[in-house]
Amino acid sequence: MGWQNFVACDGGVAGTTGQPRRMESLNLATSGTNGLCARAHVATAGWQGWACASDGEDLYIGTTGRGLAIEAVELKVGTDTVSANAHPSGIGWQGWVTSSYIQVGTTGQARSMEAIAATV
């Protein structure tokens, strides 16, 4: 399917639900939080290293062109809180998690993340 051609903001959904499509990469950005750090747990590869960006800059996690699903995501903000809700395959929406550091999705279950919603 490739990159979706829209921006999901303030709790909007990125990815798909009701379709067996895995997310392989995420493009994240934030403002007003003194920066954002993120990393993905990728199928067969495990946790990637942390990537960080200042407010308003784009941040990419996951992989492209390798066919590897994101299974979980960790997010940290410099100030304030971040909230996210993941939709892993075979589970559906997990429920919102809120803190200055969060983890959503699954590890060790081979479940690809199909969608995510997040807000700060």
C-alpha atoms as a PDB file:
ATOM      1  CA  MET A   1       0.000   0.000   0.000  1.00  0.00           C
ATOM      2  CA  GLY A   2       2.904   2.379   0.712  1.00  0.00           C
ATOM      3  CA  TRP A   3       2.731   5.658   2.634  1.00  0.00           C
ATOM      4  CA  GLN A   4      -0.771   6.892   3.385  1.00  0.00           C
ATOM      5  CA  ASN A   5      -1.402  10.279   1.806  1.00  0.00           C
ATOM      6  CA  PHE A   6      -2.841  12.061   4.832  1.00  0.00           C
ATOM      7  CA  VAL A   7      -1.746  13.298   8.226  1.00  0.00           C
ATOM      8  CA  ALA A   8      -3.313  11.839  11.375  1.00  0.00           C
ATOM      9  CA  CYS A   9      -3.304  14.474  14.136  1.00  0.00           C
ATOM     10  CA  ASP A  10      -4.623  14.789  17.675  1.00  0.00           C
ATOM     11  CA  GLY A  11      -5.899  11.241  18.096  1.00  0.00           C
ATOM     12  CA  GLY A  12      -6.524  10.514  14.409  1.00  0.00           C
ATOM     13  CA  VAL A  13      -5.808   6.993  13.195  1.00  0.00           C
ATOM     14  CA  ALA A  14      -2.767   6.106  11.088  1.00  0.00           C
ATOM     15  CA  GLY A  15      -2.839   2.692   9.447  1.00  0.00           C
ATOM     16  CA  THR A  16      -5.857   0.515   8.738  1.00  0.00           C
ATOM     17  CA  THR A  17      -8.372  -1.502  10.751  1.00  0.00           C
ATOM     18  CA  GLY A  18     -10.536  -4.347   9.487  1.00  0.00           C
ATOM     19  CA  GLN A  19      -7.895  -5.233   6.899  1.00  0.00           C
ATOM     20  CA  PRO A  20      -4.945  -7.579   7.434  1.00  0.00           C
ATOM     21  CA  ARG A  21      -2.345  -4.871   6.671  1.00  0.00           C
ATOM     22  CA  ARG A  22       0.763  -4.378   8.788  1.00  0.00           C
ATOM     23  CA  MET A  23       2.390  -1.051   9.555  1.00  0.00           C
ATOM     24  CA  GLU A  24       6.050  -1.041   8.589  1.00  0.00           C
ATOM     25  CA  SER A  25       7.064   2.564   9.226  1.00  0.00           C
ATOM     26  CA  LEU A  26       5.779   5.658  11.014  1.00  0.00           C
ATOM     27  CA  ASN A  27       6.475   9.335  10.402  1.00  0.00           C
ATOM     28  CA  LEU A  28       5.965  11.241  13.673  1.00  0.00           C
ATOM     29  CA  ALA A  29       6.102  14.930  14.595  1.00  0.00           C
ATOM     30  CA  THR A  30       5.120  16.999  17.611  1.00  0.00           C
ATOM     31  CA  SER A  31       5.126  20.550  18.887  1.00  0.00           C
ATOM     32  CA  GLY A  32       4.956  22.075  22.325  1.00  0.00           C
ATOM     33  CA  THR A  33       6.492  19.059  24.097  1.00  0.00           C
ATOM     34  CA  ASN A  34      10.181  20.004  24.021  1.00  0.00           C
ATOM     35  CA  GLY A  35      10.895  17.208  21.545  1.00  0.00           C
ATOM     36  CA  LEU A  36       9.919  13.616  20.888  1.00  0.00           C
ATOM     37  CA  CYS A  37      11.864  10.340  21.022  1.00  0.00           C
ATOM     38  CA  ALA A  38      10.522   7.088  19.597  1.00  0.00           C
ATOM     39  CA  ARG A  39      11.526   3.581  18.666  1.00  0.00           C
ATOM     40  CA  ALA A  40       9.815   0.572  17.117  1.00  0.00           C
ATOM     41  CA  HIS A  41       9.881  -3.128  17.902  1.00  0.00           C
ATOM     42  CA  VAL A  42      10.184  -4.676  14.448  1.00  0.00           C
ATOM     43  CA  ALA A  43       9.361  -8.282  13.520  1.00  0.00           C
ATOM     44  CA  THR A  44      12.439 -10.552  13.502  1.00  0.00           C
ATOM     45  CA  ALA A  45      14.702  -7.594  14.393  1.00  0.00           C
ATOM     46  CA  GLY A  46      13.494  -6.545  17.876  1.00  0.00           C
ATOM     47  CA  TRP A  47      13.797  -3.047  19.312  1.00  0.00           C
ATOM     48  CA  GLN A  48      15.402  -0.401  17.135  1.00  0.00           C
ATOM     49  CA  GLY A  49      17.536   2.325  18.666  1.00  0.00           C
ATOM     50  CA  TRP A  50      15.908   5.521  19.862  1.00  0.00           C
ATOM     51  CA  ALA A  51      15.400   8.319  17.321  1.00  0.00           C
ATOM     52  CA  CYS A  52      14.756  11.855  18.589  1.00  0.00           C
ATOM     53  CA  ALA A  53      13.575  15.092  16.992  1.00  0.00           C
ATOM     54  CA  SER A  54      12.948  18.653  18.137  1.00  0.00           C
ATOM     55  CA  ASP A  55       9.460  20.158  18.060  1.00  0.00           C
ATOM     56  CA  GLY A  56       8.166  20.433  14.502  1.00  0.00           C
ATOM     57  CA  GLU A  57      10.716  18.049  12.982  1.00  0.00           C
ATOM     58  CA  ASP A  58       9.797  14.740  11.369  1.00  0.00           C
ATOM     59  CA  LEU A  59      10.895  11.504  12.994  1.00  0.00           C
ATOM     60  CA  TYR A  60      10.835   8.125  11.232  1.00  0.00           C
ATOM     61  CA  ILE A  61      10.752   4.712  12.929  1.00  0.00           C
ATOM     62  CA  GLY A  62      10.356   1.205  11.546  1.00  0.00           C
ATOM     63  CA  THR A  63      11.640   0.066   8.165  1.00  0.00           C
ATOM     64  CA  THR A  64      10.759   0.588   4.509  1.00  0.00           C
ATOM     65  CA  GLY A  65      11.241  -1.828   1.654  1.00  0.00           C
ATOM     66  CA  ARG A  66      12.008  -4.794   3.907  1.00  0.00           C
ATOM     67  CA  GLY A  67       8.496  -6.131   4.564  1.00  0.00           C
ATOM     68  CA  LEU A  68       8.998  -6.088   8.364  1.00  0.00           C
ATOM     69  CA  ALA A  69       6.021  -5.257  10.556  1.00  0.00           C
ATOM     70  CA  ILE A  70       6.085  -2.873  13.500  1.00  0.00           C
ATOM     71  CA  GLU A  71       4.867  -4.835  16.518  1.00  0.00           C
ATOM     72  CA  ALA A  72       5.207  -2.199  19.255  1.00  0.00           C
ATOM     73  CA  VAL A  73       6.140   1.458  19.669  1.00  0.00           C
ATOM     74  CA  GLU A  74       7.711   3.381  22.547  1.00  0.00           C
ATOM     75  CA  LEU A  75       7.282   7.167  22.762  1.00  0.00           C
ATOM     76  CA  LYS A  76       8.888   9.735  25.082  1.00  0.00           C
ATOM     77  CA  VAL A  77       8.254  13.476  25.183  1.00  0.00           C
ATOM     78  CA  GLY A  78      10.455  16.103  26.844  1.00  0.00           C
ATOM     79  CA  THR A  79       7.623  17.793  28.721  1.00  0.00           C
ATOM     80  CA  ASP A  80       3.889  17.173  29.081  1.00  0.00           C
ATOM     81  CA  THR A  81       2.415  13.749  28.238  1.00  0.00           C
ATOM     82  CA  VAL A  82       1.772  11.641  25.177  1.00  0.00           C
ATOM     83  CA  SER A  83      -1.193   9.306  24.678  1.00  0.00           C
ATOM     84  CA  ALA A  84      -1.470   6.429  22.223  1.00  0.00           C
ATOM     85  CA  ASN A  85      -3.699   3.490  21.384  1.00  0.00           C
ATOM     86  CA  ALA A  86      -2.468   0.579  19.249  1.00  0.00           C
ATOM     87  CA  HIS A  87      -4.396  -1.886  17.095  1.00  0.00           C
ATOM     88  CA  PRO A  88      -2.374  -5.152  16.906  1.00  0.00           C
ATOM     89  CA  SER A  89      -3.509  -7.957  14.600  1.00  0.00           C
ATOM     90  CA  GLY A  90      -5.842 -10.445  16.244  1.00  0.00           C
ATOM     91  CA  ILE A  91      -6.409  -8.159  19.266  1.00  0.00           C
ATOM     92  CA  GLY A  92      -7.928  -4.894  18.084  1.00  0.00           C
ATOM     93  CA  TRP A  93      -7.679  -1.612  19.950  1.00  0.00           C
ATOM     94  CA  GLN A  94      -5.796  -2.044  23.233  1.00  0.00           C
ATOM     95  CA  GLY A  95      -6.960   1.120  24.980  1.00  0.00           C
ATOM     96  CA  TRP A  96      -5.306   4.491  25.546  1.00  0.00           C
ATOM     97  CA  VAL A  97      -2.047   4.760  27.510  1.00  0.00           C
ATOM     98  CA  THR A  98      -0.907   8.192  28.776  1.00  0.00           C
ATOM     99  CA  SER A  99       2.383   9.319  30.371  1.00  0.00           C
ATOM    100  CA  SER A 100       5.620  11.105  29.446  1.00  0.00           C
ATOM    101  CA  TYR A 101       6.918   7.639  28.376  1.00  0.00           C
ATOM    102  CA  ILE A 102       4.609   4.986  26.915  1.00  0.00           C
ATOM    103  CA  GLN A 103       4.719   1.638  25.145  1.00  0.00           C
ATOM    104  CA  VAL A 104       1.884   0.330  22.949  1.00  0.00           C
ATOM    105  CA  GLY A 105       1.536  -2.815  20.859  1.00  0.00           C
ATOM    106  CA  THR A 106       2.935  -6.243  21.684  1.00  0.00           C
ATOM    107  CA  THR A 107       6.317  -7.959  21.823  1.00  0.00           C
ATOM    108  CA  GLY A 108       7.034 -11.696  21.711  1.00  0.00           C
ATOM    109  CA  GLN A 109       3.645 -12.508  20.166  1.00  0.00           C
ATOM    110  CA  ALA A 110       4.387 -12.018  16.438  1.00  0.00           C
ATOM    111  CA  ARG A 111       1.436  -9.638  16.111  1.00  0.00           C
ATOM    112  CA  SER A 112       1.851  -6.819  13.628  1.00  0.00           C
ATOM    113  CA  MET A 113       0.544  -3.397  14.529  1.00  0.00           C
ATOM    114  CA  GLU A 114      -2.160  -2.460  12.024  1.00  0.00           C
ATOM    115  CA  ALA A 115      -2.989   1.043  13.250  1.00  0.00           C
ATOM    116  CA  ILE A 116      -2.097   3.603  15.892  1.00  0.00           C
ATOM    117  CA  ALA A 117      -3.709   6.750  17.234  1.00  0.00           C
ATOM    118  CA  ALA A 118      -1.696   9.244  19.269  1.00  0.00           C
ATOM    119  CA  THR A 119      -1.950  12.713  20.741  1.00  0.00           C
ATOM    120  CA  VAL A 120       0.026  15.021  23.047  1.00  0.00           C
END
